[in-house]
N, C-alpha and C. Protein backbone atom coordinates (compact mmCIF):
# COMPACT_ATOMS: atom_id res chain seq x y z
N LEU A 1 216.18 -9.37 -70.39
CA LEU A 1 214.72 -9.82 -69.99
C LEU A 1 214.60 -9.91 -68.99
N ALA A 2 215.72 -10.36 -68.43
CA ALA A 2 215.36 -10.96 -67.10
C ALA A 2 215.48 -9.68 -66.02
N GLY A 3 216.03 -8.76 -66.42
CA GLY A 3 216.22 -7.73 -66.12
C GLY A 3 215.07 -6.72 -66.10
N GLY A 4 214.59 -6.83 -66.95
CA GLY A 4 212.95 -6.27 -67.03
C GLY A 4 212.05 -7.38 -66.05
N GLY A 5 212.05 -8.58 -66.17
CA GLY A 5 211.18 -9.02 -65.27
C GLY A 5 211.13 -8.63 -64.13
N VAL A 6 212.57 -8.67 -63.54
CA VAL A 6 212.60 -8.47 -61.90
C VAL A 6 211.87 -6.77 -61.76
N LEU A 7 212.63 -5.79 -62.18
CA LEU A 7 212.20 -4.23 -62.38
C LEU A 7 210.63 -4.41 -62.58
N LEU A 8 210.04 -5.25 -63.38
CA LEU A 8 208.21 -5.46 -63.40
C LEU A 8 207.97 -5.87 -61.85
N ARG A 9 208.73 -7.19 -61.50
CA ARG A 9 208.11 -8.04 -59.92
C ARG A 9 208.37 -6.99 -59.38
N GLU A 10 209.37 -6.33 -58.82
CA GLU A 10 209.31 -4.97 -57.91
C GLU A 10 208.00 -4.04 -57.87
N SER A 11 208.09 -3.68 -59.38
CA SER A 11 207.01 -2.31 -59.63
C SER A 11 205.68 -2.96 -59.06
N TRP A 12 205.29 -3.95 -59.46
CA TRP A 12 204.24 -5.31 -58.91
C TRP A 12 204.12 -4.82 -57.02
N ARG A 13 204.98 -5.25 -57.05
CA ARG A 13 205.41 -5.39 -55.03
C ARG A 13 205.07 -4.00 -54.53
N ASN A 14 206.05 -3.08 -55.21
CA ASN A 14 205.75 -1.80 -54.83
C ASN A 14 204.23 -0.86 -54.89
N THR A 15 203.45 -1.58 -55.77
CA THR A 15 201.99 -0.80 -55.98
C THR A 15 201.24 -1.75 -55.25
N LEU A 16 201.34 -3.01 -54.67
CA LEU A 16 200.74 -3.98 -54.27
C LEU A 16 201.36 -3.10 -52.20
N ASP A 17 202.16 -2.88 -52.19
CA ASP A 17 202.26 -2.21 -50.47
C ASP A 17 201.92 -0.70 -50.49
N ALA A 18 201.59 -0.14 -51.61
CA ALA A 18 201.13 1.64 -51.78
C ALA A 18 199.43 0.93 -51.27
N ARG A 19 198.90 0.06 -52.13
CA ARG A 19 197.80 -0.65 -52.36
C ARG A 19 197.29 -0.53 -50.69
N ARG A 20 198.04 -1.07 -49.84
CA ARG A 20 197.79 -1.65 -48.58
C ARG A 20 197.90 -0.57 -47.49
N LYS A 21 199.08 -0.01 -47.85
CA LYS A 21 199.15 1.68 -46.59
C LYS A 21 198.47 2.19 -47.09
N THR A 22 197.52 2.49 -48.29
CA THR A 22 196.45 3.18 -48.30
C THR A 22 194.56 2.55 -47.81
N THR A 23 194.83 1.54 -48.05
CA THR A 23 193.60 0.77 -46.96
C THR A 23 194.08 0.84 -45.28
N PHE A 24 195.13 0.42 -45.24
CA PHE A 24 195.38 0.98 -43.58
C PHE A 24 195.16 1.80 -43.54
N VAL A 25 195.57 3.05 -43.53
CA VAL A 25 195.44 4.23 -43.29
C VAL A 25 193.82 4.72 -43.46
N SER A 26 192.91 4.49 -44.36
CA SER A 26 191.67 4.13 -45.16
C SER A 26 190.29 3.27 -43.32
N ASN A 27 190.94 2.34 -43.00
CA ASN A 27 190.22 1.56 -42.30
C ASN A 27 190.91 2.01 -40.57
N VAL A 28 192.05 2.51 -40.41
CA VAL A 28 192.23 3.14 -39.56
C VAL A 28 191.29 4.56 -38.78
N SER A 29 191.40 5.73 -40.05
CA SER A 29 190.47 6.41 -40.40
C SER A 29 189.07 6.12 -40.10
N HIS A 30 188.29 5.14 -40.79
CA HIS A 30 187.15 4.65 -40.39
C HIS A 30 187.11 4.50 -38.68
N GLU A 31 187.69 3.47 -38.06
CA GLU A 31 187.75 3.10 -36.51
C GLU A 31 187.96 4.48 -35.86
N LEU A 32 188.62 5.07 -36.26
CA LEU A 32 188.75 6.41 -35.41
C LEU A 32 187.55 7.39 -35.18
N LYS A 33 186.79 7.58 -36.49
CA LYS A 33 186.06 8.23 -36.48
C LYS A 33 184.84 7.63 -35.91
N THR A 34 184.39 7.29 -35.93
CA THR A 34 183.02 7.25 -34.43
C THR A 34 183.52 7.85 -33.19
N PRO A 35 184.41 6.85 -32.66
CA PRO A 35 183.91 7.76 -31.30
C PRO A 35 184.43 8.98 -31.48
N LEU A 36 185.21 9.56 -32.27
CA LEU A 36 185.41 11.00 -32.50
C LEU A 36 184.06 11.85 -32.97
N THR A 37 183.17 10.88 -33.49
CA THR A 37 181.89 11.77 -33.91
C THR A 37 181.40 11.54 -32.85
N THR A 38 180.98 10.32 -31.95
CA THR A 38 180.22 10.67 -30.60
C THR A 38 180.95 11.64 -29.58
N ILE A 39 182.43 11.67 -29.12
CA ILE A 39 182.79 12.57 -28.61
C ILE A 39 182.23 14.16 -28.70
N ARG A 40 181.95 14.35 -30.16
CA ARG A 40 181.66 15.73 -31.05
C ARG A 40 180.68 16.26 -30.25
N MET A 41 179.50 14.97 -30.97
CA MET A 41 178.17 15.30 -31.00
C MET A 41 178.21 15.80 -29.16
N TYR A 42 178.17 15.10 -28.70
CA TYR A 42 177.86 15.49 -26.97
C TYR A 42 178.63 16.47 -26.40
N ALA A 43 179.78 16.85 -26.46
CA ALA A 43 180.41 17.80 -26.58
C ALA A 43 179.80 19.20 -26.93
N ASP A 44 178.97 19.08 -28.17
CA ASP A 44 178.55 20.06 -28.55
C ASP A 44 177.67 20.30 -28.25
N LEU A 45 176.61 19.60 -28.00
CA LEU A 45 175.23 19.61 -27.20
C LEU A 45 175.34 20.32 -25.88
N LEU A 46 176.49 19.65 -25.00
CA LEU A 46 177.09 19.98 -23.91
C LEU A 46 176.92 21.42 -23.79
N GLY A 47 178.65 21.98 -24.81
CA GLY A 47 178.58 23.56 -24.92
C GLY A 47 177.68 24.36 -25.48
N GLU A 48 176.87 23.92 -26.05
CA GLU A 48 175.80 24.59 -26.22
C GLU A 48 174.83 25.17 -25.25
N GLY A 49 174.54 24.18 -24.53
CA GLY A 49 173.89 24.17 -23.00
C GLY A 49 172.33 23.92 -23.59
N ARG A 50 172.17 22.89 -24.88
CA ARG A 50 170.74 22.58 -24.80
C ARG A 50 170.48 21.48 -24.23
N VAL A 51 171.01 20.64 -23.32
CA VAL A 51 170.37 19.82 -22.21
C VAL A 51 170.33 20.35 -21.04
N ALA A 52 169.33 20.94 -20.45
CA ALA A 52 168.93 20.95 -19.25
C ALA A 52 168.55 20.25 -18.06
N ASP A 53 168.45 18.86 -18.64
CA ASP A 53 168.05 17.72 -18.10
C ASP A 53 169.71 17.53 -17.23
N GLY A 54 169.60 17.92 -15.84
CA GLY A 54 170.90 16.96 -15.09
C GLY A 54 171.33 15.77 -14.93
N ALA A 55 170.72 14.91 -15.39
CA ALA A 55 170.91 13.36 -15.74
C ALA A 55 171.12 13.25 -16.99
N LYS A 56 170.47 13.87 -17.83
CA LYS A 56 170.98 13.53 -19.31
C LYS A 56 172.19 14.09 -19.36
N ARG A 57 173.04 15.20 -19.08
CA ARG A 57 174.45 16.28 -18.58
C ARG A 57 175.17 14.86 -18.15
N ALA A 58 174.93 14.11 -17.20
CA ALA A 58 175.83 12.88 -16.65
C ALA A 58 175.73 11.79 -17.66
N GLN A 59 174.87 11.30 -18.40
CA GLN A 59 174.97 10.30 -19.00
C GLN A 59 175.65 10.86 -20.30
N TYR A 60 175.91 12.22 -20.96
CA TYR A 60 176.58 12.57 -21.81
C TYR A 60 177.99 12.73 -21.80
N LEU A 61 178.12 13.11 -20.60
CA LEU A 61 179.44 13.09 -20.01
C LEU A 61 180.37 11.57 -19.55
N ALA A 62 179.13 10.68 -19.29
CA ALA A 62 180.03 9.48 -19.06
C ALA A 62 179.90 8.97 -20.32
N THR A 63 179.10 9.31 -21.70
CA THR A 63 179.61 8.71 -22.72
C THR A 63 180.44 9.54 -23.35
N ILE A 64 180.75 10.66 -23.03
CA ILE A 64 182.11 11.14 -23.69
C ILE A 64 183.58 10.87 -23.09
N ALA A 65 183.00 10.14 -21.47
CA ALA A 65 184.31 9.21 -21.34
C ALA A 65 184.41 8.08 -21.82
N ALA A 66 183.63 7.22 -22.26
CA ALA A 66 183.79 6.26 -22.30
C ALA A 66 183.97 6.22 -23.75
N GLU A 67 183.74 6.81 -24.31
CA GLU A 67 183.99 6.92 -26.28
C GLU A 67 185.57 7.72 -26.36
N SER A 68 186.16 8.00 -25.07
CA SER A 68 187.39 8.92 -25.11
C SER A 68 188.12 7.23 -24.83
N GLU A 69 187.41 6.32 -23.62
CA GLU A 69 188.77 5.71 -23.32
C GLU A 69 188.91 4.47 -24.55
N ARG A 70 187.82 4.41 -24.90
CA ARG A 70 187.62 3.25 -26.88
C ARG A 70 188.62 3.67 -27.31
N LEU A 71 188.46 5.40 -27.70
CA LEU A 71 189.50 6.18 -28.73
C LEU A 71 190.67 5.42 -28.18
N THR A 72 191.35 5.45 -26.86
CA THR A 72 192.76 5.38 -26.44
C THR A 72 192.84 3.88 -26.81
N ARG A 73 191.94 3.24 -26.46
CA ARG A 73 192.51 1.61 -27.13
C ARG A 73 192.56 2.02 -28.65
N LEU A 74 191.71 2.09 -29.01
CA LEU A 74 191.71 2.27 -30.74
C LEU A 74 193.47 2.44 -31.27
N ILE A 75 193.47 3.72 -30.65
CA ILE A 75 194.89 4.28 -30.75
C ILE A 75 196.22 3.55 -30.29
N ASN A 76 196.00 2.14 -29.49
CA ASN A 76 196.61 1.73 -28.69
C ASN A 76 197.11 0.33 -29.97
N ASN A 77 196.09 -0.22 -30.35
CA ASN A 77 195.68 -0.84 -31.11
C ASN A 77 196.61 -0.51 -32.64
N VAL A 78 196.73 0.72 -33.28
CA VAL A 78 197.38 1.20 -34.67
C VAL A 78 198.49 1.04 -34.10
N LEU A 79 199.04 1.60 -32.50
CA LEU A 79 200.16 1.19 -32.42
C LEU A 79 200.92 -0.17 -32.08
N ASP A 80 199.60 -1.09 -31.68
CA ASP A 80 200.54 -1.91 -32.14
C ASP A 80 200.47 -2.97 -33.24
N PHE A 81 200.06 -2.21 -34.10
CA PHE A 81 200.10 -3.05 -35.46
C PHE A 81 201.18 -4.04 -35.96
N SER A 82 202.39 -3.75 -35.76
CA SER A 82 203.41 -4.65 -36.12
C SER A 82 203.22 -5.81 -35.82
N ARG A 83 202.55 -5.97 -34.44
CA ARG A 83 202.05 -7.31 -34.13
C ARG A 83 201.00 -8.16 -35.21
N ILE A 84 200.42 -7.15 -34.95
CA ILE A 84 199.12 -7.60 -35.89
C ILE A 84 198.98 -8.17 -37.43
N GLU A 85 200.26 -7.20 -38.09
CA GLU A 85 201.13 -7.28 -39.31
C GLU A 85 201.87 -8.96 -38.68
N GLN A 86 202.58 -9.28 -37.81
CA GLN A 86 203.34 -10.10 -37.63
C GLN A 86 202.50 -11.50 -37.35
N GLY A 87 201.26 -11.55 -37.14
CA GLY A 87 200.36 -12.51 -36.79
C GLY A 87 200.74 -12.77 -35.39
N ARG A 88 200.86 -11.64 -34.32
CA ARG A 88 201.16 -11.91 -33.47
C ARG A 88 200.16 -11.14 -32.28
N LYS A 89 199.04 -10.77 -32.63
CA LYS A 89 197.96 -10.08 -31.83
C LYS A 89 197.57 -10.84 -30.59
N GLN A 90 197.71 -10.71 -29.61
CA GLN A 90 196.87 -11.52 -28.80
C GLN A 90 195.82 -10.68 -28.01
N TYR A 91 194.77 -11.36 -28.54
CA TYR A 91 193.39 -10.54 -27.74
C TYR A 91 193.01 -11.07 -26.07
N ARG A 92 192.78 -10.01 -25.26
CA ARG A 92 192.50 -10.14 -24.67
C ARG A 92 191.14 -11.00 -24.14
N LEU A 93 190.77 -12.33 -23.98
CA LEU A 93 189.69 -12.66 -23.59
C LEU A 93 189.17 -12.71 -22.40
N ALA A 94 188.07 -12.23 -22.51
CA ALA A 94 187.45 -12.69 -20.84
C ALA A 94 185.82 -13.02 -20.98
N ASP A 95 185.74 -13.35 -19.80
CA ASP A 95 183.94 -13.81 -19.56
C ASP A 95 183.18 -12.47 -19.93
N LEU A 96 182.55 -12.24 -21.05
CA LEU A 96 181.42 -10.82 -20.85
C LEU A 96 180.25 -10.96 -20.52
N ASP A 97 179.10 -10.36 -20.71
CA ASP A 97 178.00 -10.11 -20.68
C ASP A 97 177.80 -9.75 -22.12
N VAL A 98 177.69 -10.16 -22.73
CA VAL A 98 177.26 -9.35 -24.79
C VAL A 98 176.25 -8.94 -24.54
N ALA A 99 175.30 -9.19 -24.08
CA ALA A 99 174.30 -8.35 -23.52
C ALA A 99 174.59 -7.19 -23.35
N ALA A 100 174.62 -6.75 -22.28
CA ALA A 100 175.35 -5.69 -21.74
C ALA A 100 175.95 -4.83 -22.66
N VAL A 101 177.08 -5.57 -23.09
CA VAL A 101 178.13 -4.76 -23.99
C VAL A 101 177.28 -4.36 -25.31
N ALA A 102 176.55 -4.98 -25.96
CA ALA A 102 175.55 -4.25 -27.29
C ALA A 102 174.45 -3.79 -26.70
N ARG A 103 174.24 -3.84 -25.40
CA ARG A 103 172.92 -2.42 -25.24
C ARG A 103 173.98 -1.13 -24.60
N ASP A 104 175.49 -1.15 -24.19
CA ASP A 104 175.65 -0.26 -23.94
C ASP A 104 176.26 0.76 -25.23
N VAL A 105 176.48 -0.25 -26.43
CA VAL A 105 176.57 0.02 -27.81
C VAL A 105 175.92 1.27 -28.12
N VAL A 106 174.45 0.40 -28.12
CA VAL A 106 173.26 1.11 -28.71
C VAL A 106 172.71 2.21 -27.82
N GLU A 107 173.43 2.18 -26.58
CA GLU A 107 172.82 3.49 -25.54
C GLU A 107 173.52 4.41 -26.36
N ARG A 108 174.53 4.31 -26.63
CA ARG A 108 175.96 5.65 -26.76
C ARG A 108 175.64 5.85 -28.46
N GLU A 109 174.85 4.74 -29.63
CA GLU A 109 175.02 5.11 -30.20
C GLU A 109 173.75 5.81 -31.16
N GLY A 110 172.65 5.95 -30.08
CA GLY A 110 171.23 6.36 -30.20
C GLY A 110 171.05 7.28 -30.60
N VAL A 111 171.97 8.45 -30.00
CA VAL A 111 171.85 9.79 -30.05
C VAL A 111 171.96 10.00 -31.95
N ARG A 112 173.02 10.00 -32.17
CA ARG A 112 173.53 9.51 -33.75
C ARG A 112 172.45 9.03 -34.85
N TYR A 113 172.20 8.36 -34.04
CA TYR A 113 170.76 7.48 -34.89
C TYR A 113 169.73 8.25 -35.06
N ALA A 114 169.75 9.16 -34.23
CA ALA A 114 168.23 10.25 -33.89
C ALA A 114 168.48 11.41 -35.05
N ALA A 115 169.67 11.73 -34.67
CA ALA A 115 170.93 12.88 -35.87
C ALA A 115 170.05 12.24 -37.40
N ALA A 116 170.32 11.50 -37.27
CA ALA A 116 170.13 10.92 -38.90
C ALA A 116 169.18 10.55 -39.33
N GLY A 117 167.80 10.57 -38.67
CA GLY A 117 166.36 10.02 -38.84
C GLY A 117 166.05 9.36 -38.78
N LEU A 118 166.60 8.15 -38.37
CA LEU A 118 166.38 6.92 -37.96
C LEU A 118 166.72 6.32 -36.21
N ARG A 119 166.19 5.35 -36.05
CA ARG A 119 165.56 5.03 -34.63
C ARG A 119 166.28 3.40 -34.41
N LEU A 120 166.64 3.51 -33.26
CA LEU A 120 167.63 2.70 -32.99
C LEU A 120 167.21 1.52 -32.05
N ASP A 121 167.08 0.26 -31.85
CA ASP A 121 166.23 -0.11 -30.81
C ASP A 121 167.17 -1.40 -30.67
N ALA A 122 166.63 -2.00 -29.71
CA ALA A 122 167.65 -3.31 -29.24
C ALA A 122 166.45 -4.55 -28.58
N ARG A 123 166.54 -5.72 -29.40
CA ARG A 123 166.00 -6.27 -28.38
C ARG A 123 166.99 -7.45 -27.90
N LEU A 124 167.50 -7.21 -26.41
CA LEU A 124 168.62 -7.84 -26.32
C LEU A 124 167.73 -8.78 -24.74
N PRO A 125 168.49 -10.07 -24.09
CA PRO A 125 167.71 -10.53 -22.94
C PRO A 125 168.20 -9.87 -21.93
N ASP A 126 167.31 -9.96 -20.84
CA ASP A 126 167.39 -9.48 -19.45
C ASP A 126 168.55 -9.76 -18.71
N ALA A 127 168.36 -11.55 -18.81
CA ALA A 127 169.57 -12.37 -18.04
C ALA A 127 170.56 -12.05 -19.08
N PRO A 128 171.78 -12.48 -18.51
CA PRO A 128 173.10 -12.22 -18.90
C PRO A 128 173.68 -13.07 -20.35
N ALA A 129 174.02 -12.75 -21.28
CA ALA A 129 174.69 -13.91 -21.96
C ALA A 129 175.85 -13.47 -21.97
N SER A 130 176.54 -14.52 -20.78
CA SER A 130 177.59 -14.75 -21.29
C SER A 130 178.26 -15.54 -22.09
N ALA A 131 179.85 -14.82 -22.72
CA ALA A 131 180.30 -15.82 -23.08
C ALA A 131 181.94 -15.61 -23.21
N ARG A 132 183.09 -16.06 -23.84
CA ARG A 132 184.37 -16.02 -23.78
C ARG A 132 184.76 -14.82 -25.17
N TYR A 133 185.05 -13.39 -24.61
CA TYR A 133 185.09 -12.33 -25.83
C TYR A 133 186.64 -11.24 -25.27
N ASP A 134 187.03 -11.28 -26.41
CA ASP A 134 187.73 -9.66 -26.34
C ASP A 134 186.63 -8.61 -26.26
N ARG A 135 186.85 -8.07 -25.35
CA ARG A 135 185.40 -6.35 -25.72
C ARG A 135 185.74 -5.77 -26.45
N ASP A 136 187.02 -5.36 -26.88
CA ASP A 136 187.26 -4.27 -27.87
C ASP A 136 186.92 -4.89 -28.99
N ALA A 137 187.20 -6.08 -29.75
CA ALA A 137 186.78 -6.56 -30.82
C ALA A 137 185.31 -6.74 -30.81
N LEU A 138 184.38 -7.49 -29.96
CA LEU A 138 183.39 -7.09 -30.11
C LEU A 138 182.55 -6.05 -30.28
N GLU A 139 182.51 -4.84 -28.94
CA GLU A 139 182.46 -3.42 -29.77
C GLU A 139 182.64 -2.98 -31.49
N GLN A 140 183.93 -3.57 -31.86
CA GLN A 140 184.13 -2.83 -33.10
C GLN A 140 183.50 -3.62 -34.22
N ALA A 141 183.04 -4.57 -33.63
CA ALA A 141 182.59 -5.44 -34.34
C ALA A 141 180.84 -5.22 -34.94
N LEU A 142 180.47 -4.92 -33.60
CA LEU A 142 178.99 -4.00 -33.79
C LEU A 142 178.91 -2.71 -34.19
N LEU A 143 180.34 -2.12 -33.85
CA LEU A 143 180.03 -0.74 -34.32
C LEU A 143 180.30 -0.90 -35.96
N ASN A 144 180.96 -1.22 -36.74
CA ASN A 144 181.03 -1.56 -37.84
C ASN A 144 179.71 -2.05 -38.31
N LEU A 145 178.93 -2.58 -38.07
CA LEU A 145 177.74 -3.11 -38.41
C LEU A 145 176.70 -1.59 -38.30
N LEU A 146 176.61 -1.40 -37.20
CA LEU A 146 175.59 -0.20 -37.35
C LEU A 146 176.43 0.73 -38.01
N ASP A 147 177.37 0.99 -38.37
CA ASP A 147 177.94 2.12 -39.43
C ASP A 147 177.34 1.69 -40.37
N ASN A 148 177.62 0.75 -40.75
CA ASN A 148 177.32 0.23 -42.42
C ASN A 148 175.26 0.32 -42.47
N ALA A 149 174.96 0.13 -41.43
CA ALA A 149 173.26 0.53 -41.44
C ALA A 149 173.13 1.52 -41.63
N LEU A 150 173.68 2.39 -40.95
CA LEU A 150 173.30 4.45 -40.63
C LEU A 150 173.47 4.29 -42.20
N LYS A 151 174.62 3.93 -43.00
CA LYS A 151 174.62 4.15 -44.16
C LYS A 151 173.84 4.24 -45.15
N TYR A 152 173.18 2.50 -45.05
CA TYR A 152 172.52 2.28 -46.11
C TYR A 152 170.91 2.37 -45.67
N ALA A 153 170.43 2.25 -44.19
CA ALA A 153 168.90 2.74 -44.12
C ALA A 153 168.69 3.75 -44.25
N ARG A 154 167.33 3.92 -44.93
CA ARG A 154 167.00 4.68 -45.57
C ARG A 154 166.11 5.88 -43.98
N ALA A 155 166.17 7.26 -44.27
CA ALA A 155 165.62 8.29 -43.22
C ALA A 155 164.15 7.48 -42.82
N GLY A 156 164.26 7.50 -41.88
CA GLY A 156 162.77 7.39 -41.05
C GLY A 156 162.71 5.90 -40.24
N GLY A 157 163.35 5.40 -40.85
CA GLY A 157 163.50 4.28 -41.03
C GLY A 157 164.02 3.34 -39.15
N ALA A 158 164.12 2.42 -39.28
CA ALA A 158 164.61 1.76 -38.15
C ALA A 158 165.55 0.56 -38.09
N VAL A 159 166.32 0.51 -37.36
CA VAL A 159 167.41 -0.40 -36.92
C VAL A 159 167.26 -1.33 -35.89
N GLU A 160 167.68 -2.72 -35.67
CA GLU A 160 167.19 -3.62 -35.04
C GLU A 160 168.58 -4.32 -34.26
N VAL A 161 169.35 -4.24 -33.05
CA VAL A 161 170.06 -5.06 -33.12
C VAL A 161 169.76 -6.09 -31.68
N ALA A 162 169.47 -7.63 -32.19
CA ALA A 162 169.00 -8.34 -31.76
C ALA A 162 170.27 -9.26 -31.13
N LEU A 163 169.71 -9.95 -29.55
CA LEU A 163 171.07 -10.85 -29.30
C LEU A 163 169.87 -11.96 -28.79
N GLY A 164 170.62 -13.33 -29.23
CA GLY A 164 170.38 -14.31 -28.58
C GLY A 164 171.42 -15.59 -28.43
N ARG A 165 170.49 -16.53 -27.56
CA ARG A 165 171.22 -17.97 -28.13
C ARG A 165 170.98 -18.99 -28.78
N ASP A 166 171.67 -19.67 -29.47
CA ASP A 166 171.00 -20.85 -30.32
C ASP A 166 172.16 -22.14 -30.10
N GLY A 167 171.59 -22.70 -29.11
CA GLY A 167 173.01 -23.87 -28.86
C GLY A 167 173.59 -23.28 -27.79
N GLY A 168 175.08 -23.45 -28.10
CA GLY A 168 176.07 -23.29 -27.81
C GLY A 168 176.43 -21.89 -28.29
N ARG A 169 175.86 -21.22 -29.48
CA ARG A 169 176.53 -20.15 -29.94
C ARG A 169 175.68 -18.52 -30.04
N THR A 170 176.71 -17.97 -29.21
CA THR A 170 175.69 -16.06 -29.47
C THR A 170 175.26 -15.97 -31.04
N GLU A 171 173.98 -15.35 -31.19
CA GLU A 171 174.06 -15.58 -32.14
C GLU A 171 173.74 -13.56 -32.44
N THR A 172 174.11 -12.73 -33.13
CA THR A 172 173.48 -11.21 -33.34
C THR A 172 173.34 -10.64 -34.32
N ALA A 173 171.85 -10.34 -34.90
CA ALA A 173 171.24 -9.78 -36.09
C ALA A 173 171.20 -8.36 -35.95
N LEU A 174 171.73 -7.57 -36.87
CA LEU A 174 171.21 -6.20 -37.12
C LEU A 174 170.20 -6.42 -37.89
N TRP A 175 168.98 -5.48 -38.17
CA TRP A 175 168.10 -5.52 -39.06
C TRP A 175 168.13 -3.65 -39.08
N THR A 176 167.53 -3.42 -40.24
CA THR A 176 166.90 -2.44 -40.98
C THR A 176 166.20 -2.60 -41.98
N THR A 177 165.27 -1.19 -42.36
CA THR A 177 164.67 -0.82 -43.00
C THR A 177 165.61 -0.90 -44.72
N GLY A 178 164.86 -2.01 -45.09
CA GLY A 178 165.46 -2.16 -46.50
C GLY A 178 166.98 -2.67 -46.40
N TYR A 179 167.72 -3.49 -45.71
CA TYR A 179 168.78 -4.00 -45.26
C TYR A 179 169.40 -4.83 -44.28
N HIS A 180 169.62 -5.88 -44.51
CA HIS A 180 170.22 -6.96 -43.30
C HIS A 180 171.39 -7.49 -43.28
N SER A 181 171.56 -7.91 -42.06
CA SER A 181 173.21 -8.13 -42.23
C SER A 181 173.53 -8.95 -41.15
N PHE A 182 173.94 -10.26 -41.05
CA PHE A 182 173.68 -11.12 -39.85
C PHE A 182 175.28 -11.31 -39.37
N ASP A 183 175.16 -11.39 -38.06
CA ASP A 183 176.71 -11.90 -38.22
C ASP A 183 176.76 -12.87 -36.64
N TRP A 184 177.53 -14.21 -36.88
CA TRP A 184 177.63 -15.09 -35.75
C TRP A 184 178.78 -14.44 -34.87
N VAL A 185 178.76 -14.39 -33.93
CA VAL A 185 179.91 -14.34 -32.76
C VAL A 185 179.73 -15.02 -31.60
N GLY A 186 180.35 -15.94 -31.57
CA GLY A 186 180.70 -17.12 -30.23
C GLY A 186 180.74 -18.62 -30.57
């Protein structure tokens, strides 16, 4: 009986480990898909010669470069997974203009939203909204919210990213037609 109990417990542990690995692979795939999709979309537009305006081409190339850099950071995070798993993940905190980070993300994601038949708007303060964050973690949180909104918003609808200060906290809200997500970051 004791041997059977040990085998059952080991089987249960192996099943949990397999589920964790599957979840990990799924999460990594999701995180890597967003920058790859953006890079591919802009590269296709440029490669097909569908962008005649020189300023637009420069903007698309800058977006491709920025998304490539983000993809590199994400891959480095995956390679650093053992530290995360051991609870030793070090965030690179820096004073950031949260509004500028949010504006960059919204600008990069706008074309993807337009291709899906949605409008992506931003209600961000003109004045800097400074706070201490890890830029990659902040961008990833906003991108995850935008990805979820893209999945659940109806075609022809709008998604709005809003940012403001509430006392000592930075408040970020994401609104869509028929969907609402609210996240505190700060």
